[in-house]
């Protein structure tokens, strides 16, 4: 049985998305927590060689996630913010869609203030700080992706206000979380959910039973997804430019 997602609680004294921001509590991470990060980082970087899009590899080197142990967000932001104007903040769990997209619109990315257990190395249903940092932050170091993500956050806020939140959530899921991209004649990983998962990164590219369909914004916005298991299908974009255009464009 899959566990229930832990949702962050808002501080009623703070406005908007800021109500979900908490202290990272970096000093409370144990030696085992930091070792878990190092195991995950070493394993994923080795696994993703030849499997991940170029922009991820370039960003990974720029933000310094492999310097040893769980990154402290202040030091991380000192590297990320000068590159693209983005910064990371800590949250205690999943935040509501309205707050999440408002964060993206403000060039802010939420990072869970916890890390998985050793029993969850291969697959984790609820995103932890490894998923959030390793999976997402390298792409935010790329200017085109960073700008598109801000615009997509604005689109998400507008879509939720008119009752189209499901569409924007599906488009996000099938690109930024679990998207695949054709690059240099091969299908490569884009999505953070794949980049940060040992089991699903392999499955998404190598499993012959998995369905892979061509990506379009319309298909993504209309295709349901599973949040409680590995995905039964993936959408494959023709290139990173197609993904950036979809995130910057109007909601289908």
C-alpha atoms as a PDB file:
ATOM      1  CA  UNK A   1       0.000   0.000   0.000  1.00  0.00           C
ATOM      2  CA  UNK A   2       1.285   3.458  -0.850  1.00  0.00           C
ATOM      3  CA  UNK A   3       1.557   6.023   1.901  1.00  0.00           C
ATOM      4  CA  UNK A   4      -0.454   9.231   1.933  1.00  0.00           C
ATOM      5  CA  UNK A   5       1.248  12.405   0.763  1.00  0.00           C
ATOM      6  CA  UNK A   6       2.301  14.762   3.548  1.00  0.00           C
ATOM      7  CA  UNK A   7       0.863  18.179   2.769  1.00  0.00           C
ATOM      8  CA  UNK A   8       2.443  21.342   4.105  1.00  0.00           C
ATOM      9  CA  UNK A   9       0.359  23.547   6.381  1.00  0.00           C
ATOM     10  CA  UNK A  10       0.151  27.279   5.795  1.00  0.00           C
ATOM     11  CA  UNK A  11       1.110  29.896   8.358  1.00  0.00           C
ATOM     12  CA  UNK A  12      -2.000  32.122   8.549  1.00  0.00           C
ATOM     13  CA  UNK A  13       0.146  35.112   9.510  1.00  0.00           C
ATOM     14  CA  UNK A  14       1.938  35.155   6.158  1.00  0.00           C
ATOM     15  CA  UNK A  15       0.478  36.074   2.736  1.00  0.00           C
ATOM     16  CA  UNK A  16       0.067  33.838  -0.312  1.00  0.00           C
ATOM     17  CA  UNK A  17       2.718  31.260  -1.112  1.00  0.00           C
ATOM     18  CA  UNK A  18       5.020  32.663   1.564  1.00  0.00           C
ATOM     19  CA  UNK A  19       2.737  31.042   4.148  1.00  0.00           C
ATOM     20  CA  UNK A  20       4.190  27.640   3.196  1.00  0.00           C
ATOM     21  CA  UNK A  21       7.868  28.548   3.517  1.00  0.00           C
ATOM     22  CA  UNK A  22       9.690  27.053   6.499  1.00  0.00           C
ATOM     23  CA  UNK A  23      13.255  26.941   7.734  1.00  0.00           C
ATOM     24  CA  UNK A  24      15.240  24.214   6.002  1.00  0.00           C
ATOM     25  CA  UNK A  25      16.562  23.044   9.344  1.00  0.00           C
ATOM     26  CA  UNK A  26      19.780  21.966   7.663  1.00  0.00           C
ATOM     27  CA  UNK A  27      21.585  21.414  10.982  1.00  0.00           C
ATOM     28  CA  UNK A  28      19.095  18.739  12.047  1.00  0.00           C
ATOM     29  CA  UNK A  29      19.973  16.430   9.133  1.00  0.00           C
ATOM     30  CA  UNK A  30      21.853  13.446  10.504  1.00  0.00           C
ATOM     31  CA  UNK A  31      25.070  11.920   9.236  1.00  0.00           C
ATOM     32  CA  UNK A  32      22.943   9.115   7.792  1.00  0.00           C
ATOM     33  CA  UNK A  33      20.759  11.667   5.972  1.00  0.00           C
ATOM     34  CA  UNK A  34      23.814  13.228   4.345  1.00  0.00           C
ATOM     35  CA  UNK A  35      25.175   9.802   3.480  1.00  0.00           C
ATOM     36  CA  UNK A  36      21.832   8.897   1.890  1.00  0.00           C
ATOM     37  CA  UNK A  37      22.137  12.015  -0.286  1.00  0.00           C
ATOM     38  CA  UNK A  38      25.667  11.060  -1.326  1.00  0.00           C
ATOM     39  CA  UNK A  39      24.573   7.505  -2.222  1.00  0.00           C
ATOM     40  CA  UNK A  40      21.676   8.819  -4.284  1.00  0.00           C
ATOM     41  CA  UNK A  41      23.778  11.481  -6.001  1.00  0.00           C
ATOM     42  CA  UNK A  42      26.578   9.110  -6.972  1.00  0.00           C
ATOM     43  CA  UNK A  43      24.190   6.452  -8.209  1.00  0.00           C
ATOM     44  CA  UNK A  44      21.989   8.797 -10.231  1.00  0.00           C
ATOM     45  CA  UNK A  45      24.818  10.692 -11.907  1.00  0.00           C
ATOM     46  CA  UNK A  46      26.327   7.389 -13.029  1.00  0.00           C
ATOM     47  CA  UNK A  47      22.966   6.033 -14.192  1.00  0.00           C
ATOM     48  CA  UNK A  48      22.035   9.172 -16.127  1.00  0.00           C
ATOM     49  CA  UNK A  49      25.203   9.239 -18.237  1.00  0.00           C
ATOM     50  CA  UNK A  50      23.939   9.132 -21.812  1.00  0.00           C
ATOM     51  CA  UNK A  51      20.323   9.121 -20.624  1.00  0.00           C
ATOM     52  CA  UNK A  52      19.634  12.740 -19.628  1.00  0.00           C
ATOM     53  CA  UNK A  53      19.251  15.908 -21.703  1.00  0.00           C
ATOM     54  CA  UNK A  54      22.314  18.134 -22.126  1.00  0.00           C
ATOM     55  CA  UNK A  55      20.794  21.086 -20.289  1.00  0.00           C
ATOM     56  CA  UNK A  56      20.484  18.987 -17.140  1.00  0.00           C
ATOM     57  CA  UNK A  57      24.131  17.911 -17.277  1.00  0.00           C
ATOM     58  CA  UNK A  58      25.292  21.488 -17.807  1.00  0.00           C
ATOM     59  CA  UNK A  59      23.143  22.820 -14.963  1.00  0.00           C
ATOM     60  CA  UNK A  60      24.236  20.087 -12.584  1.00  0.00           C
ATOM     61  CA  UNK A  61      27.804  21.282 -12.880  1.00  0.00           C
ATOM     62  CA  UNK A  62      26.846  24.908 -12.344  1.00  0.00           C
ATOM     63  CA  UNK A  63      24.848  24.598  -9.103  1.00  0.00           C
ATOM     64  CA  UNK A  64      27.235  22.357  -7.162  1.00  0.00           C
ATOM     65  CA  UNK A  65      24.881  19.674  -5.878  1.00  0.00           C
ATOM     66  CA  UNK A  66      27.672  17.099  -5.608  1.00  0.00           C
ATOM     67  CA  UNK A  67      29.857  18.879  -3.073  1.00  0.00           C
ATOM     68  CA  UNK A  68      29.015  16.394  -0.304  1.00  0.00           C
ATOM     69  CA  UNK A  69      25.835  15.948   1.707  1.00  0.00           C
ATOM     70  CA  UNK A  70      22.450  17.622   1.450  1.00  0.00           C
ATOM     71  CA  UNK A  71      22.909  21.145   0.026  1.00  0.00           C
ATOM     72  CA  UNK A  72      22.220  24.095   2.315  1.00  0.00           C
ATOM     73  CA  UNK A  73      19.775  26.336   0.471  1.00  0.00           C
ATOM     74  CA  UNK A  74      21.544  29.612   1.225  1.00  0.00           C
ATOM     75  CA  UNK A  75      24.751  28.373  -0.386  1.00  0.00           C
ATOM     76  CA  UNK A  76      22.823  26.853  -3.281  1.00  0.00           C
ATOM     77  CA  UNK A  77      20.944  30.091  -3.950  1.00  0.00           C
ATOM     78  CA  UNK A  78      24.224  31.991  -4.017  1.00  0.00           C
ATOM     79  CA  UNK A  79      25.068  29.964  -7.136  1.00  0.00           C
ATOM     80  CA  UNK A  80      21.639  29.613  -8.739  1.00  0.00           C
ATOM     81  CA  UNK A  81      20.242  33.126  -8.366  1.00  0.00           C
ATOM     82  CA  UNK A  82      23.015  34.925 -10.292  1.00  0.00           C
ATOM     83  CA  UNK A  83      22.516  32.501 -13.185  1.00  0.00           C
ATOM     84  CA  UNK A  84      18.776  32.871 -13.815  1.00  0.00           C
ATOM     85  CA  UNK A  85      17.162  34.818 -10.974  1.00  0.00           C
ATOM     86  CA  UNK A  86      15.647  31.717  -9.368  1.00  0.00           C
ATOM     87  CA  UNK A  87      15.968  30.728  -5.717  1.00  0.00           C
ATOM     88  CA  UNK A  88      14.893  27.780  -3.608  1.00  0.00           C
ATOM     89  CA  UNK A  89      12.886  27.823  -0.373  1.00  0.00           C
ATOM     90  CA  UNK A  90      12.129  25.035   2.080  1.00  0.00           C
ATOM     91  CA  UNK A  91       8.625  23.649   2.591  1.00  0.00           C
ATOM     92  CA  UNK A  92       7.350  20.934   4.903  1.00  0.00           C
ATOM     93  CA  UNK A  93       5.594  18.884   2.203  1.00  0.00           C
ATOM     94  CA  UNK A  94       3.501  19.269  -0.930  1.00  0.00           C
ATOM     95  CA  UNK A  95       1.945  22.706  -1.260  1.00  0.00           C
ATOM     96  CA  UNK A  96      -1.437  23.324  -2.958  1.00  0.00           C
ATOM     97  CA  UNK A  97      -1.367  23.903  -6.696  1.00  0.00           C
ATOM     98  CA  UNK A  98      -2.331  27.569  -6.337  1.00  0.00           C
ATOM     99  CA  UNK A  99       0.643  28.250  -4.060  1.00  0.00           C
ATOM    100  CA  UNK A 100       2.986  26.105  -6.148  1.00  0.00           C
ATOM    101  CA  UNK A 101       2.288  27.907  -9.403  1.00  0.00           C
ATOM    102  CA  UNK A 102       2.435  31.280  -7.634  1.00  0.00           C
ATOM    103  CA  UNK A 103       5.915  30.293  -6.437  1.00  0.00           C
ATOM    104  CA  UNK A 104       6.997  29.473  -9.983  1.00  0.00           C
ATOM    105  CA  UNK A 105       5.621  32.811 -11.178  1.00  0.00           C
ATOM    106  CA  UNK A 106       7.870  34.497  -8.580  1.00  0.00           C
ATOM    107  CA  UNK A 107      10.919  32.437  -9.702  1.00  0.00           C
ATOM    108  CA  UNK A 108      10.859  30.484  -6.452  1.00  0.00           C
ATOM    109  CA  UNK A 109      11.085  26.690  -6.258  1.00  0.00           C
ATOM    110  CA  UNK A 110       9.871  24.755  -3.176  1.00  0.00           C
ATOM    111  CA  UNK A 111      12.213  22.149  -1.669  1.00  0.00           C
ATOM    112  CA  UNK A 112      11.008  19.533   0.816  1.00  0.00           C
ATOM    113  CA  UNK A 113      12.833  19.796   4.150  1.00  0.00           C
ATOM    114  CA  UNK A 114      13.240  16.017   4.512  1.00  0.00           C
ATOM    115  CA  UNK A 115      14.995  13.144   2.742  1.00  0.00           C
ATOM    116  CA  UNK A 116      13.890   9.577   2.051  1.00  0.00           C
ATOM    117  CA  UNK A 117      14.902   6.558   4.082  1.00  0.00           C
ATOM    118  CA  UNK A 118      17.390   3.921   2.942  1.00  0.00           C
ATOM    119  CA  UNK A 119      14.455   1.583   2.240  1.00  0.00           C
ATOM    120  CA  UNK A 120      13.163   4.081  -0.353  1.00  0.00           C
ATOM    121  CA  UNK A 121      16.308   4.562  -2.430  1.00  0.00           C
ATOM    122  CA  UNK A 122      14.886   3.078  -5.640  1.00  0.00           C
ATOM    123  CA  UNK A 123      11.446   4.693  -5.660  1.00  0.00           C
ATOM    124  CA  UNK A 124       9.673   7.336  -3.602  1.00  0.00           C
ATOM    125  CA  UNK A 125       6.065   8.353  -4.024  1.00  0.00           C
ATOM    126  CA  UNK A 126       6.257  11.637  -2.121  1.00  0.00           C
ATOM    127  CA  UNK A 127       8.915  14.066  -3.388  1.00  0.00           C
ATOM    128  CA  UNK A 128      11.768  14.684  -0.928  1.00  0.00           C
ATOM    129  CA  UNK A 129      14.683  17.095  -1.056  1.00  0.00           C
ATOM    130  CA  UNK A 130      16.667  14.801  -3.361  1.00  0.00           C
ATOM    131  CA  UNK A 131      13.872  14.781  -5.913  1.00  0.00           C
ATOM    132  CA  UNK A 132      13.361  18.529  -5.618  1.00  0.00           C
ATOM    133  CA  UNK A 133      17.022  19.537  -5.698  1.00  0.00           C
ATOM    134  CA  UNK A 134      18.637  16.945  -7.945  1.00  0.00           C
ATOM    135  CA  UNK A 135      15.649  16.545 -10.263  1.00  0.00           C
ATOM    136  CA  UNK A 136      14.630  20.172 -10.730  1.00  0.00           C
ATOM    137  CA  UNK A 137      17.372  22.641  -9.868  1.00  0.00           C
ATOM    138  CA  UNK A 138      19.861  21.789 -12.674  1.00  0.00           C
ATOM    139  CA  UNK A 139      17.238  22.706 -15.262  1.00  0.00           C
ATOM    140  CA  UNK A 140      16.553  26.028 -13.499  1.00  0.00           C
ATOM    141  CA  UNK A 141      20.167  26.990 -14.243  1.00  0.00           C
ATOM    142  CA  UNK A 142      19.294  27.128 -17.960  1.00  0.00           C
ATOM    143  CA  UNK A 143      18.017  30.578 -18.937  1.00  0.00           C
ATOM    144  CA  UNK A 144      15.467  29.419 -21.503  1.00  0.00           C
ATOM    145  CA  UNK A 145      13.971  26.818 -19.168  1.00  0.00           C
ATOM    146  CA  UNK A 146      14.061  29.227 -16.231  1.00  0.00           C
ATOM    147  CA  UNK A 147      12.137  31.873 -18.165  1.00  0.00           C
ATOM    148  CA  UNK A 148       9.641  29.305 -19.464  1.00  0.00           C
ATOM    149  CA  UNK A 149       9.035  27.976 -15.951  1.00  0.00           C
ATOM    150  CA  UNK A 150       8.206  31.458 -14.688  1.00  0.00           C
ATOM    151  CA  UNK A 151       5.762  31.987 -17.529  1.00  0.00           C
ATOM    152  CA  UNK A 152       4.249  28.567 -16.884  1.00  0.00           C
ATOM    153  CA  UNK A 153       3.757  29.521 -13.251  1.00  0.00           C
ATOM    154  CA  UNK A 154       1.822  32.586 -14.378  1.00  0.00           C
ATOM    155  CA  UNK A 155      -0.253  30.401 -16.714  1.00  0.00           C
ATOM    156  CA  UNK A 156      -0.928  27.994 -13.859  1.00  0.00           C
ATOM    157  CA  UNK A 157      -2.214  30.745 -11.580  1.00  0.00           C
ATOM    158  CA  UNK A 158      -4.499  32.013 -14.350  1.00  0.00           C
ATOM    159  CA  UNK A 159      -5.708  28.496 -15.228  1.00  0.00           C
ATOM    160  CA  UNK A 160      -6.614  27.604 -11.649  1.00  0.00           C
ATOM    161  CA  UNK A 161      -8.552  30.866 -11.305  1.00  0.00           C
ATOM    162  CA  UNK A 162     -10.830  29.845 -14.214  1.00  0.00           C
ATOM    163  CA  UNK A 163     -11.219  26.192 -13.242  1.00  0.00           C
ATOM    164  CA  UNK A 164      -8.614  24.696 -15.612  1.00  0.00           C
ATOM    165  CA  UNK A 165      -6.138  23.546 -12.986  1.00  0.00           C
ATOM    166  CA  UNK A 166      -6.277  19.933 -14.186  1.00  0.00           C
ATOM    167  CA  UNK A 167      -4.973  20.890 -17.625  1.00  0.00           C
ATOM    168  CA  UNK A 168      -1.995  22.814 -16.320  1.00  0.00           C
ATOM    169  CA  UNK A 169      -1.168  20.047 -13.815  1.00  0.00           C
ATOM    170  CA  UNK A 170      -1.148  17.442 -16.610  1.00  0.00           C
ATOM    171  CA  UNK A 171       1.052  19.573 -18.847  1.00  0.00           C
ATOM    172  CA  UNK A 172       3.511  20.044 -15.988  1.00  0.00           C
ATOM    173  CA  UNK A 173       3.485  16.336 -15.168  1.00  0.00           C
ATOM    174  CA  UNK A 174       4.151  15.179 -18.724  1.00  0.00           C
ATOM    175  CA  UNK A 175       7.033  17.623 -19.230  1.00  0.00           C
ATOM    176  CA  UNK A 176       8.819  18.861 -16.114  1.00  0.00           C
ATOM    177  CA  UNK A 177       8.085  15.804 -13.952  1.00  0.00           C
ATOM    178  CA  UNK A 178       7.959  12.785 -16.278  1.00  0.00           C
ATOM    179  CA  UNK A 179       8.721  14.018 -19.778  1.00  0.00           C
ATOM    180  CA  UNK A 180      11.058  12.383 -22.288  1.00  0.00           C
ATOM    181  CA  UNK A 181      12.787  14.241 -25.134  1.00  0.00           C
ATOM    182  CA  UNK A 182      14.419  13.258 -28.417  1.00  0.00           C
ATOM    183  CA  UNK A 183      17.941  14.625 -28.516  1.00  0.00           C
ATOM    184  CA  UNK A 184      20.890  13.672 -30.730  1.00  0.00           C
ATOM    185  CA  UNK A 185      18.890  10.838 -32.277  1.00  0.00           C
ATOM    186  CA  UNK A 186      17.988   9.193 -28.969  1.00  0.00           C
ATOM    187  CA  UNK A 187      15.197   9.409 -26.401  1.00  0.00           C
ATOM    188  CA  UNK A 188      16.494  11.037 -23.219  1.00  0.00           C
ATOM    189  CA  UNK A 189      15.137  11.905 -19.804  1.00  0.00           C
ATOM    190  CA  UNK A 190      13.892  15.405 -19.032  1.00  0.00           C
ATOM    191  CA  UNK A 191      11.492  15.010 -16.107  1.00  0.00           C
ATOM    192  CA  UNK A 192      12.637  15.416 -12.512  1.00  0.00           C
ATOM    193  CA  UNK A 193      10.590  12.428 -11.392  1.00  0.00           C
ATOM    194  CA  UNK A 194      12.636  10.269 -13.738  1.00  0.00           C
ATOM    195  CA  UNK A 195      16.001  11.959 -13.178  1.00  0.00           C
ATOM    196  CA  UNK A 196      15.753  11.412  -9.416  1.00  0.00           C
ATOM    197  CA  UNK A 197      14.404   7.825  -9.496  1.00  0.00           C
ATOM    198  CA  UNK A 198      16.760   4.896 -10.080  1.00  0.00           C
ATOM    199  CA  UNK A 199      13.961   2.449 -10.823  1.00  0.00           C
ATOM    200  CA  UNK A 200      11.819   4.635 -13.037  1.00  0.00           C
ATOM    201  CA  UNK A 201      14.709   6.215 -14.952  1.00  0.00           C
ATOM    202  CA  UNK A 202      15.613   2.750 -16.188  1.00  0.00           C
ATOM    203  CA  UNK A 203      12.030   1.709 -16.801  1.00  0.00           C
ATOM    204  CA  UNK A 204      11.092   4.829 -18.767  1.00  0.00           C
ATOM    205  CA  UNK A 205      13.772   4.229 -21.406  1.00  0.00           C
ATOM    206  CA  UNK A 206      14.391   0.484 -21.390  1.00  0.00           C
ATOM    207  CA  UNK A 207      11.113  -1.296 -20.631  1.00  0.00           C
ATOM    208  CA  UNK A 208       9.650  -2.537 -23.961  1.00  0.00           C
ATOM    209  CA  UNK A 209       6.175  -2.869 -22.414  1.00  0.00           C
ATOM    210  CA  UNK A 210       5.902   0.838 -21.590  1.00  0.00           C
ATOM    211  CA  UNK A 211       3.884   2.998 -23.991  1.00  0.00           C
ATOM    212  CA  UNK A 212       5.636   6.094 -25.315  1.00  0.00           C
ATOM    213  CA  UNK A 213       3.580   8.593 -27.296  1.00  0.00           C
ATOM    214  CA  UNK A 214       4.623  11.704 -29.164  1.00  0.00           C
ATOM    215  CA  UNK A 215       4.282  14.845 -27.063  1.00  0.00           C
ATOM    216  CA  UNK A 216       2.085  17.791 -27.919  1.00  0.00           C
ATOM    217  CA  UNK A 217       0.667  20.376 -25.498  1.00  0.00           C
ATOM    218  CA  UNK A 218      -2.826  19.186 -26.357  1.00  0.00           C
ATOM    219  CA  UNK A 219      -1.982  15.531 -25.686  1.00  0.00           C
ATOM    220  CA  UNK A 220      -0.246  16.378 -22.411  1.00  0.00           C
ATOM    221  CA  UNK A 221      -3.120  18.506 -21.136  1.00  0.00           C
ATOM    222  CA  UNK A 222      -5.589  15.709 -21.893  1.00  0.00           C
ATOM    223  CA  UNK A 223      -3.595  12.674 -20.665  1.00  0.00           C
ATOM    224  CA  UNK A 224      -4.246  11.459 -17.098  1.00  0.00           C
ATOM    225  CA  UNK A 225      -1.322  10.313 -14.939  1.00  0.00           C
ATOM    226  CA  UNK A 226      -0.569   8.197 -11.871  1.00  0.00           C
ATOM    227  CA  UNK A 227       0.855   9.888  -8.790  1.00  0.00           C
ATOM    228  CA  UNK A 228       0.881   6.698  -6.702  1.00  0.00           C
ATOM    229  CA  UNK A 229       2.890   4.339  -8.930  1.00  0.00           C
ATOM    230  CA  UNK A 230       5.368   4.266 -11.802  1.00  0.00           C
ATOM    231  CA  UNK A 231       3.886   5.712 -14.960  1.00  0.00           C
ATOM    232  CA  UNK A 232       2.154   3.425 -17.480  1.00  0.00           C
ATOM    233  CA  UNK A 233       3.072   5.760 -20.379  1.00  0.00           C
ATOM    234  CA  UNK A 234       5.340   8.678 -21.222  1.00  0.00           C
ATOM    235  CA  UNK A 235       5.118  11.508 -23.737  1.00  0.00           C
ATOM    236  CA  UNK A 236       8.207  12.109 -25.878  1.00  0.00           C
ATOM    237  CA  UNK A 237       8.855  15.658 -27.123  1.00  0.00           C
ATOM    238  CA  UNK A 238      10.709  16.272 -30.394  1.00  0.00           C
ATOM    239  CA  UNK A 239      13.308  18.412 -28.601  1.00  0.00           C
ATOM    240  CA  UNK A 240      13.865  20.802 -25.721  1.00  0.00           C
ATOM    241  CA  UNK A 241      12.651  23.709 -27.840  1.00  0.00           C
ATOM    242  CA  UNK A 242       9.249  22.005 -28.115  1.00  0.00           C
ATOM    243  CA  UNK A 243       9.032  21.711 -24.324  1.00  0.00           C
ATOM    244  CA  UNK A 244      10.065  25.332 -23.751  1.00  0.00           C
ATOM    245  CA  UNK A 245       7.488  26.508 -26.320  1.00  0.00           C
ATOM    246  CA  UNK A 246       4.755  24.451 -24.615  1.00  0.00           C
ATOM    247  CA  UNK A 247       5.556  25.935 -21.205  1.00  0.00           C
ATOM    248  CA  UNK A 248       5.639  29.478 -22.578  1.00  0.00           C
ATOM    249  CA  UNK A 249       2.520  29.152 -24.712  1.00  0.00           C
ATOM    250  CA  UNK A 250      -1.160  29.424 -23.845  1.00  0.00           C
ATOM    251  CA  UNK A 251      -2.847  26.509 -22.141  1.00  0.00           C
ATOM    252  CA  UNK A 252      -4.352  24.144 -24.765  1.00  0.00           C
END
